[in-house]
């Protein structure tokens, strides 16, 4: 019995020691906060100030600037839709072209979108290096648009004879997609490009991916003949 009381007393003493240690730590922390209160308040106000400046910059500078850029870009988009790529790029004398939008509004969403349009214009004009330059600068959260941008970079590399980079971007575009349109389209291009390099095993892997994931697409419905052909060529 005495042993039990001894153990209980020992545990109680240990708990008290732990509580005392915690209280001491809290006291030291409170003392540190009190001693450094001025610096802490300065730091907090600095953070609040930075946030306020950022919100103000977004709301009162970037947002109006972006709206202005979109208004300027309207006619360039119209020329683009009419396949007037040179006018779309350089403007029509009254409205800015995509290149001017990039120069004047590069920090806006419209400026970012102009990079995409500019890249596609250059691709249509067979200026493949310029197409790659501008499409590589374009960023988008929209899955389909970004996949088209990646796939278009692949198209440009293909036209330049750089098959390895073409394959890389076709695969990026295809695997970035969760839809049959861009997914099956660009993966098919990647697989055919692999065949041109005699890497039939890689092509077959992609064909099987299309078969499993996009059976409803035109590519998916015809994929067996590509698998058979590639298998015979291995």
C-alpha atoms as a PDB file:
ATOM      1  CA  UNK A   1       0.000   0.000   0.000  1.00  0.00           C
ATOM      2  CA  UNK A   2       2.818   2.346   0.888  1.00  0.00           C
ATOM      3  CA  UNK A   3       4.382   1.665  -2.495  1.00  0.00           C
ATOM      4  CA  UNK A   4       1.135   2.662  -4.228  1.00  0.00           C
ATOM      5  CA  UNK A   5       0.995   5.950  -2.316  1.00  0.00           C
ATOM      6  CA  UNK A   6       4.636   6.542  -3.108  1.00  0.00           C
ATOM      7  CA  UNK A   7       4.056   6.041  -6.849  1.00  0.00           C
ATOM      8  CA  UNK A   8       0.992   8.292  -6.741  1.00  0.00           C
ATOM      9  CA  UNK A   9       2.949  10.980  -4.951  1.00  0.00           C
ATOM     10  CA  UNK A  10       5.761  10.607  -7.454  1.00  0.00           C
ATOM     11  CA  UNK A  11       3.356  11.048 -10.379  1.00  0.00           C
ATOM     12  CA  UNK A  12       1.752  14.050  -8.676  1.00  0.00           C
ATOM     13  CA  UNK A  13       5.134  15.672  -8.165  1.00  0.00           C
ATOM     14  CA  UNK A  14       6.051  15.014 -11.823  1.00  0.00           C
ATOM     15  CA  UNK A  15       2.786  16.586 -13.025  1.00  0.00           C
ATOM     16  CA  UNK A  16       3.363  19.595 -10.829  1.00  0.00           C
ATOM     17  CA  UNK A  17       6.868  19.947 -12.222  1.00  0.00           C
ATOM     18  CA  UNK A  18       5.541  19.798 -15.800  1.00  0.00           C
ATOM     19  CA  UNK A  19       2.878  22.399 -15.016  1.00  0.00           C
ATOM     20  CA  UNK A  20       5.495  24.605 -13.416  1.00  0.00           C
ATOM     21  CA  UNK A  21       7.674  24.267 -16.515  1.00  0.00           C
ATOM     22  CA  UNK A  22       4.754  25.215 -18.769  1.00  0.00           C
ATOM     23  CA  UNK A  23       3.931  28.212 -16.585  1.00  0.00           C
ATOM     24  CA  UNK A  24       7.554  29.300 -16.674  1.00  0.00           C
ATOM     25  CA  UNK A  25       7.609  29.024 -20.475  1.00  0.00           C
ATOM     26  CA  UNK A  26       4.386  31.040 -20.740  1.00  0.00           C
ATOM     27  CA  UNK A  27       5.784  33.674 -18.404  1.00  0.00           C
ATOM     28  CA  UNK A  28       8.940  33.957 -20.499  1.00  0.00           C
ATOM     29  CA  UNK A  29       6.842  34.208 -23.687  1.00  0.00           C
ATOM     30  CA  UNK A  30       4.651  36.918 -22.168  1.00  0.00           C
ATOM     31  CA  UNK A  31       7.748  38.774 -21.040  1.00  0.00           C
ATOM     32  CA  UNK A  32       9.294  38.511 -24.511  1.00  0.00           C
ATOM     33  CA  UNK A  33       6.076  39.804 -26.107  1.00  0.00           C
ATOM     34  CA  UNK A  34       5.968  42.683 -23.637  1.00  0.00           C
ATOM     35  CA  UNK A  35       9.602  43.566 -24.259  1.00  0.00           C
ATOM     36  CA  UNK A  36       9.196  43.412 -28.047  1.00  0.00           C
ATOM     37  CA  UNK A  37       5.695  44.853 -28.305  1.00  0.00           C
ATOM     38  CA  UNK A  38       6.791  47.840 -30.350  1.00  0.00           C
ATOM     39  CA  UNK A  39       8.593  45.708 -32.945  1.00  0.00           C
ATOM     40  CA  UNK A  40       5.694  43.249 -33.139  1.00  0.00           C
ATOM     41  CA  UNK A  41       3.174  46.043 -33.736  1.00  0.00           C
ATOM     42  CA  UNK A  42       5.425  47.516 -36.421  1.00  0.00           C
ATOM     43  CA  UNK A  43       5.614  44.100 -38.114  1.00  0.00           C
ATOM     44  CA  UNK A  44       1.822  43.603 -37.969  1.00  0.00           C
ATOM     45  CA  UNK A  45       1.149  47.083 -39.360  1.00  0.00           C
ATOM     46  CA  UNK A  46       3.680  46.439 -42.138  1.00  0.00           C
ATOM     47  CA  UNK A  47       1.903  43.228 -43.141  1.00  0.00           C
ATOM     48  CA  UNK A  48      -1.488  44.947 -43.075  1.00  0.00           C
ATOM     49  CA  UNK A  49      -0.048  47.778 -45.153  1.00  0.00           C
ATOM     50  CA  UNK A  50       1.372  45.388 -47.761  1.00  0.00           C
ATOM     51  CA  UNK A  51      -1.983  43.610 -48.052  1.00  0.00           C
ATOM     52  CA  UNK A  52      -3.809  46.933 -48.397  1.00  0.00           C
ATOM     53  CA  UNK A  53      -1.400  48.099 -51.113  1.00  0.00           C
ATOM     54  CA  UNK A  54      -1.797  44.809 -53.008  1.00  0.00           C
ATOM     55  CA  UNK A  55      -5.614  44.918 -52.844  1.00  0.00           C
ATOM     56  CA  UNK A  56      -5.615  48.554 -53.896  1.00  0.00           C
ATOM     57  CA  UNK A  57      -3.230  47.839 -56.765  1.00  0.00           C
ATOM     58  CA  UNK A  58      -5.449  45.020 -58.005  1.00  0.00           C
ATOM     59  CA  UNK A  59      -8.736  46.882 -57.568  1.00  0.00           C
ATOM     60  CA  UNK A  60      -7.899  50.428 -58.532  1.00  0.00           C
ATOM     61  CA  UNK A  61      -5.064  49.977 -61.023  1.00  0.00           C
ATOM     62  CA  UNK A  62      -4.960  46.539 -62.638  1.00  0.00           C
ATOM     63  CA  UNK A  63      -8.719  46.035 -62.942  1.00  0.00           C
ATOM     64  CA  UNK A  64      -9.413  49.347 -64.784  1.00  0.00           C
ATOM     65  CA  UNK A  65      -6.274  48.820 -66.873  1.00  0.00           C
ATOM     66  CA  UNK A  66      -7.429  45.338 -67.843  1.00  0.00           C
ATOM     67  CA  UNK A  67     -10.884  46.647 -68.825  1.00  0.00           C
ATOM     68  CA  UNK A  68      -9.204  49.298 -70.949  1.00  0.00           C
ATOM     69  CA  UNK A  69      -7.024  46.668 -72.618  1.00  0.00           C
ATOM     70  CA  UNK A  70     -10.013  44.432 -73.357  1.00  0.00           C
ATOM     71  CA  UNK A  71     -11.747  47.359 -75.034  1.00  0.00           C
ATOM     72  CA  UNK A  72      -8.672  48.020 -77.157  1.00  0.00           C
ATOM     73  CA  UNK A  73      -8.322  44.325 -78.045  1.00  0.00           C
ATOM     74  CA  UNK A  74     -11.885  43.894 -79.279  1.00  0.00           C
ATOM     75  CA  UNK A  75     -11.096  44.811 -82.878  1.00  0.00           C
ATOM     76  CA  UNK A  76      -7.905  42.759 -82.923  1.00  0.00           C
ATOM     77  CA  UNK A  77      -9.976  39.724 -81.920  1.00  0.00           C
ATOM     78  CA  UNK A  78     -12.427  40.531 -84.682  1.00  0.00           C
ATOM     79  CA  UNK A  79      -9.623  40.673 -87.263  1.00  0.00           C
ATOM     80  CA  UNK A  80      -8.277  37.397 -85.865  1.00  0.00           C
ATOM     81  CA  UNK A  81     -11.687  35.750 -86.337  1.00  0.00           C
ATOM     82  CA  UNK A  82     -11.649  36.922 -89.965  1.00  0.00           C
ATOM     83  CA  UNK A  83      -8.178  35.410 -90.537  1.00  0.00           C
ATOM     84  CA  UNK A  84      -6.646  38.890 -90.985  1.00  0.00           C
ATOM     85  CA  UNK A  85      -3.659  37.900 -88.902  1.00  0.00           C
ATOM     86  CA  UNK A  86      -1.275  40.703 -89.879  1.00  0.00           C
ATOM     87  CA  UNK A  87      -3.836  43.392 -89.004  1.00  0.00           C
ATOM     88  CA  UNK A  88      -4.713  41.525 -85.813  1.00  0.00           C
ATOM     89  CA  UNK A  89      -1.055  41.598 -84.827  1.00  0.00           C
ATOM     90  CA  UNK A  90      -0.192  45.165 -85.763  1.00  0.00           C
ATOM     91  CA  UNK A  91      -3.478  47.041 -85.543  1.00  0.00           C
ATOM     92  CA  UNK A  92      -5.659  48.757 -88.118  1.00  0.00           C
ATOM     93  CA  UNK A  93      -4.600  52.352 -87.533  1.00  0.00           C
ATOM     94  CA  UNK A  94      -7.477  53.033 -85.170  1.00  0.00           C
ATOM     95  CA  UNK A  95      -7.336  50.124 -82.749  1.00  0.00           C
ATOM     96  CA  UNK A  96      -4.271  48.450 -81.279  1.00  0.00           C
ATOM     97  CA  UNK A  97      -3.060  45.071 -82.446  1.00  0.00           C
ATOM     98  CA  UNK A  98      -2.088  42.191 -80.187  1.00  0.00           C
ATOM     99  CA  UNK A  99       1.587  43.201 -80.170  1.00  0.00           C
ATOM    100  CA  UNK A 100       0.667  46.690 -78.939  1.00  0.00           C
ATOM    101  CA  UNK A 101      -1.584  45.174 -76.274  1.00  0.00           C
ATOM    102  CA  UNK A 102       1.335  43.079 -75.031  1.00  0.00           C
ATOM    103  CA  UNK A 103       3.627  46.124 -74.890  1.00  0.00           C
ATOM    104  CA  UNK A 104       1.133  48.473 -73.247  1.00  0.00           C
ATOM    105  CA  UNK A 105      -0.796  46.100 -70.995  1.00  0.00           C
ATOM    106  CA  UNK A 106       1.627  43.262 -70.274  1.00  0.00           C
ATOM    107  CA  UNK A 107       0.706  43.083 -66.575  1.00  0.00           C
ATOM    108  CA  UNK A 108      -2.998  42.502 -67.255  1.00  0.00           C
ATOM    109  CA  UNK A 109      -5.043  39.409 -68.058  1.00  0.00           C
ATOM    110  CA  UNK A 110      -5.727  40.950 -71.471  1.00  0.00           C
ATOM    111  CA  UNK A 111      -1.980  41.238 -72.052  1.00  0.00           C
ATOM    112  CA  UNK A 112      -1.601  37.566 -71.170  1.00  0.00           C
ATOM    113  CA  UNK A 113      -4.426  36.621 -73.553  1.00  0.00           C
ATOM    114  CA  UNK A 114      -2.791  38.704 -76.281  1.00  0.00           C
ATOM    115  CA  UNK A 115       0.256  36.416 -75.978  1.00  0.00           C
ATOM    116  CA  UNK A 116      -1.983  33.489 -76.920  1.00  0.00           C
ATOM    117  CA  UNK A 117      -3.551  35.264 -79.884  1.00  0.00           C
ATOM    118  CA  UNK A 118      -0.148  36.481 -81.058  1.00  0.00           C
ATOM    119  CA  UNK A 119       1.287  32.989 -80.916  1.00  0.00           C
ATOM    120  CA  UNK A 120      -1.582  31.552 -82.941  1.00  0.00           C
ATOM    121  CA  UNK A 121      -1.286  34.372 -85.497  1.00  0.00           C
ATOM    122  CA  UNK A 122       2.404  33.627 -85.981  1.00  0.00           C
ATOM    123  CA  UNK A 123       1.649  29.903 -86.225  1.00  0.00           C
ATOM    124  CA  UNK A 124      -0.868  30.609 -89.005  1.00  0.00           C
ATOM    125  CA  UNK A 125       1.739  32.770 -90.747  1.00  0.00           C
ATOM    126  CA  UNK A 126       4.351  29.986 -90.498  1.00  0.00           C
ATOM    127  CA  UNK A 127       6.591  32.073 -88.222  1.00  0.00           C
ATOM    128  CA  UNK A 128       7.088  29.132 -85.918  1.00  0.00           C
ATOM    129  CA  UNK A 129       9.839  30.479 -83.681  1.00  0.00           C
ATOM    130  CA  UNK A 130       7.785  33.593 -82.882  1.00  0.00           C
ATOM    131  CA  UNK A 131       4.765  31.377 -82.255  1.00  0.00           C
ATOM    132  CA  UNK A 132       6.722  29.346 -79.705  1.00  0.00           C
ATOM    133  CA  UNK A 133       8.064  32.501 -78.041  1.00  0.00           C
ATOM    134  CA  UNK A 134       4.633  34.012 -77.420  1.00  0.00           C
ATOM    135  CA  UNK A 135       2.694  30.834 -76.673  1.00  0.00           C
ATOM    136  CA  UNK A 136       5.325  29.883 -74.082  1.00  0.00           C
ATOM    137  CA  UNK A 137       4.564  33.103 -72.203  1.00  0.00           C
ATOM    138  CA  UNK A 138       0.827  32.437 -72.087  1.00  0.00           C
ATOM    139  CA  UNK A 139      -0.638  31.079 -68.849  1.00  0.00           C
ATOM    140  CA  UNK A 140      -4.229  29.985 -68.291  1.00  0.00           C
ATOM    141  CA  UNK A 141      -6.337  28.111 -65.786  1.00  0.00           C
ATOM    142  CA  UNK A 142      -8.818  27.080 -68.468  1.00  0.00           C
ATOM    143  CA  UNK A 143      -7.934  23.483 -69.292  1.00  0.00           C
ATOM    144  CA  UNK A 144      -8.956  23.506 -72.958  1.00  0.00           C
ATOM    145  CA  UNK A 145      -7.402  26.852 -73.903  1.00  0.00           C
ATOM    146  CA  UNK A 146      -4.125  26.024 -72.167  1.00  0.00           C
ATOM    147  CA  UNK A 147      -4.055  22.588 -73.822  1.00  0.00           C
ATOM    148  CA  UNK A 148      -4.510  24.208 -77.230  1.00  0.00           C
ATOM    149  CA  UNK A 149      -1.641  26.579 -76.449  1.00  0.00           C
ATOM    150  CA  UNK A 150       0.623  23.664 -75.493  1.00  0.00           C
ATOM    151  CA  UNK A 151      -0.453  21.652 -78.524  1.00  0.00           C
ATOM    152  CA  UNK A 152       0.165  24.639 -80.790  1.00  0.00           C
ATOM    153  CA  UNK A 153       3.714  24.878 -79.462  1.00  0.00           C
ATOM    154  CA  UNK A 154       4.008  21.213 -80.415  1.00  0.00           C
ATOM    155  CA  UNK A 155       2.721  22.014 -83.911  1.00  0.00           C
ATOM    156  CA  UNK A 156       5.337  24.764 -84.255  1.00  0.00           C
ATOM    157  CA  UNK A 157       8.173  22.465 -83.174  1.00  0.00           C
ATOM    158  CA  UNK A 158       6.899  19.799 -85.572  1.00  0.00           C
ATOM    159  CA  UNK A 159       7.010  22.253 -88.462  1.00  0.00           C
ATOM    160  CA  UNK A 160      10.562  23.214 -87.461  1.00  0.00           C
ATOM    161  CA  UNK A 161      11.555  19.529 -87.597  1.00  0.00           C
ATOM    162  CA  UNK A 162      12.172  19.314 -83.849  1.00  0.00           C
ATOM    163  CA  UNK A 163      10.260  16.077 -83.316  1.00  0.00           C
ATOM    164  CA  UNK A 164      11.342  15.460 -79.721  1.00  0.00           C
ATOM    165  CA  UNK A 165      10.059  18.821 -78.503  1.00  0.00           C
ATOM    166  CA  UNK A 166       6.942  18.367 -80.609  1.00  0.00           C
ATOM    167  CA  UNK A 167       6.237  15.045 -78.866  1.00  0.00           C
ATOM    168  CA  UNK A 168       6.857  16.597 -75.460  1.00  0.00           C
ATOM    169  CA  UNK A 169       4.324  19.388 -76.010  1.00  0.00           C
ATOM    170  CA  UNK A 170       1.766  17.141 -77.706  1.00  0.00           C
ATOM    171  CA  UNK A 171       1.898  14.873 -74.663  1.00  0.00           C
ATOM    172  CA  UNK A 172       1.671  17.823 -72.265  1.00  0.00           C
ATOM    173  CA  UNK A 173      -1.386  19.077 -74.138  1.00  0.00           C
ATOM    174  CA  UNK A 174      -2.998  15.652 -74.254  1.00  0.00           C
ATOM    175  CA  UNK A 175      -2.414  14.650 -70.655  1.00  0.00           C
ATOM    176  CA  UNK A 176      -3.343  18.142 -69.419  1.00  0.00           C
ATOM    177  CA  UNK A 177      -6.804  17.557 -70.892  1.00  0.00           C
ATOM    178  CA  UNK A 178      -9.818  15.894 -69.378  1.00  0.00           C
ATOM    179  CA  UNK A 179     -11.898  16.107 -72.518  1.00  0.00           C
ATOM    180  CA  UNK A 180     -11.992  14.122 -75.712  1.00  0.00           C
ATOM    181  CA  UNK A 181     -11.429  17.085 -78.013  1.00  0.00           C
ATOM    182  CA  UNK A 182      -7.966  18.220 -76.954  1.00  0.00           C
ATOM    183  CA  UNK A 183      -7.052  15.023 -75.096  1.00  0.00           C
ATOM    184  CA  UNK A 184      -7.512  12.582 -77.960  1.00  0.00           C
ATOM    185  CA  UNK A 185      -6.380  15.052 -80.638  1.00  0.00           C
ATOM    186  CA  UNK A 186      -2.994  15.891 -79.176  1.00  0.00           C
ATOM    187  CA  UNK A 187      -2.258  12.425 -77.833  1.00  0.00           C
ATOM    188  CA  UNK A 188      -2.897  11.089 -81.335  1.00  0.00           C
ATOM    189  CA  UNK A 189      -0.371  13.563 -82.714  1.00  0.00           C
ATOM    190  CA  UNK A 190       2.112  12.494 -80.046  1.00  0.00           C
ATOM    191  CA  UNK A 191       1.647   8.820 -80.917  1.00  0.00           C
ATOM    192  CA  UNK A 192       2.068   9.411 -84.654  1.00  0.00           C
ATOM    193  CA  UNK A 193       5.172  11.477 -83.948  1.00  0.00           C
ATOM    194  CA  UNK A 194       6.540   8.558 -81.919  1.00  0.00           C
ATOM    195  CA  UNK A 195       5.917   6.290 -84.904  1.00  0.00           C
ATOM    196  CA  UNK A 196       7.942   8.677 -87.076  1.00  0.00           C
ATOM    197  CA  UNK A 197      10.830   8.079 -84.649  1.00  0.00           C
ATOM    198  CA  UNK A 198      10.262   4.293 -84.657  1.00  0.00           C
ATOM    199  CA  UNK A 199       9.411   4.360 -80.946  1.00  0.00           C
ATOM    200  CA  UNK A 200       6.409   2.115 -81.469  1.00  0.00           C
ATOM    201  CA  UNK A 201       6.170   0.973 -77.863  1.00  0.00           C
ATOM    202  CA  UNK A 202       5.573   4.558 -76.734  1.00  0.00           C
ATOM    203  CA  UNK A 203       3.012   5.003 -79.512  1.00  0.00           C
ATOM    204  CA  UNK A 204       1.152   1.845 -78.446  1.00  0.00           C
ATOM    205  CA  UNK A 205       1.019   3.059 -74.827  1.00  0.00           C
ATOM    206  CA  UNK A 206      -0.611   6.276 -75.967  1.00  0.00           C
ATOM    207  CA  UNK A 207      -3.025   4.458 -78.291  1.00  0.00           C
ATOM    208  CA  UNK A 208      -4.119   2.276 -75.381  1.00  0.00           C
ATOM    209  CA  UNK A 209      -4.609   5.362 -73.215  1.00  0.00           C
ATOM    210  CA  UNK A 210      -6.863   6.842 -75.896  1.00  0.00           C
ATOM    211  CA  UNK A 211      -8.724   3.537 -76.162  1.00  0.00           C
ATOM    212  CA  UNK A 212      -9.356   3.417 -72.403  1.00  0.00           C
ATOM    213  CA  UNK A 213     -10.144   7.078 -71.811  1.00  0.00           C
ATOM    214  CA  UNK A 214     -11.664   8.434 -75.019  1.00  0.00           C
ATOM    215  CA  UNK A 215     -13.521   5.522 -76.681  1.00  0.00           C
ATOM    216  CA  UNK A 216     -16.349   7.817 -77.781  1.00  0.00           C
ATOM    217  CA  UNK A 217     -14.110  10.067 -79.898  1.00  0.00           C
ATOM    218  CA  UNK A 218     -13.334   9.521 -83.569  1.00  0.00           C
ATOM    219  CA  UNK A 219      -9.764   8.667 -82.574  1.00  0.00           C
ATOM    220  CA  UNK A 220     -11.013   6.186 -80.015  1.00  0.00           C
ATOM    221  CA  UNK A 221     -13.321   4.476 -82.482  1.00  0.00           C
ATOM    222  CA  UNK A 222     -10.489   3.972 -84.967  1.00  0.00           C
ATOM    223  CA  UNK A 223      -7.718   3.248 -82.467  1.00  0.00           C
ATOM    224  CA  UNK A 224      -7.569  -0.541 -82.895  1.00  0.00           C
ATOM    225  CA  UNK A 225      -6.138  -0.264 -86.395  1.00  0.00           C
ATOM    226  CA  UNK A 226      -3.362   2.022 -85.110  1.00  0.00           C
ATOM    227  CA  UNK A 227      -2.560  -0.394 -82.281  1.00  0.00           C
ATOM    228  CA  UNK A 228      -2.432  -3.299 -84.736  1.00  0.00           C
ATOM    229  CA  UNK A 229      -0.214  -1.424 -87.175  1.00  0.00           C
ATOM    230  CA  UNK A 230       2.212  -0.232 -84.494  1.00  0.00           C
ATOM    231  CA  UNK A 231       2.361  -3.724 -82.978  1.00  0.00           C
ATOM    232  CA  UNK A 232       3.355  -5.206 -86.333  1.00  0.00           C
ATOM    233  CA  UNK A 233       6.086  -2.574 -86.752  1.00  0.00           C
ATOM    234  CA  UNK A 234       7.755  -3.317 -83.420  1.00  0.00           C
END
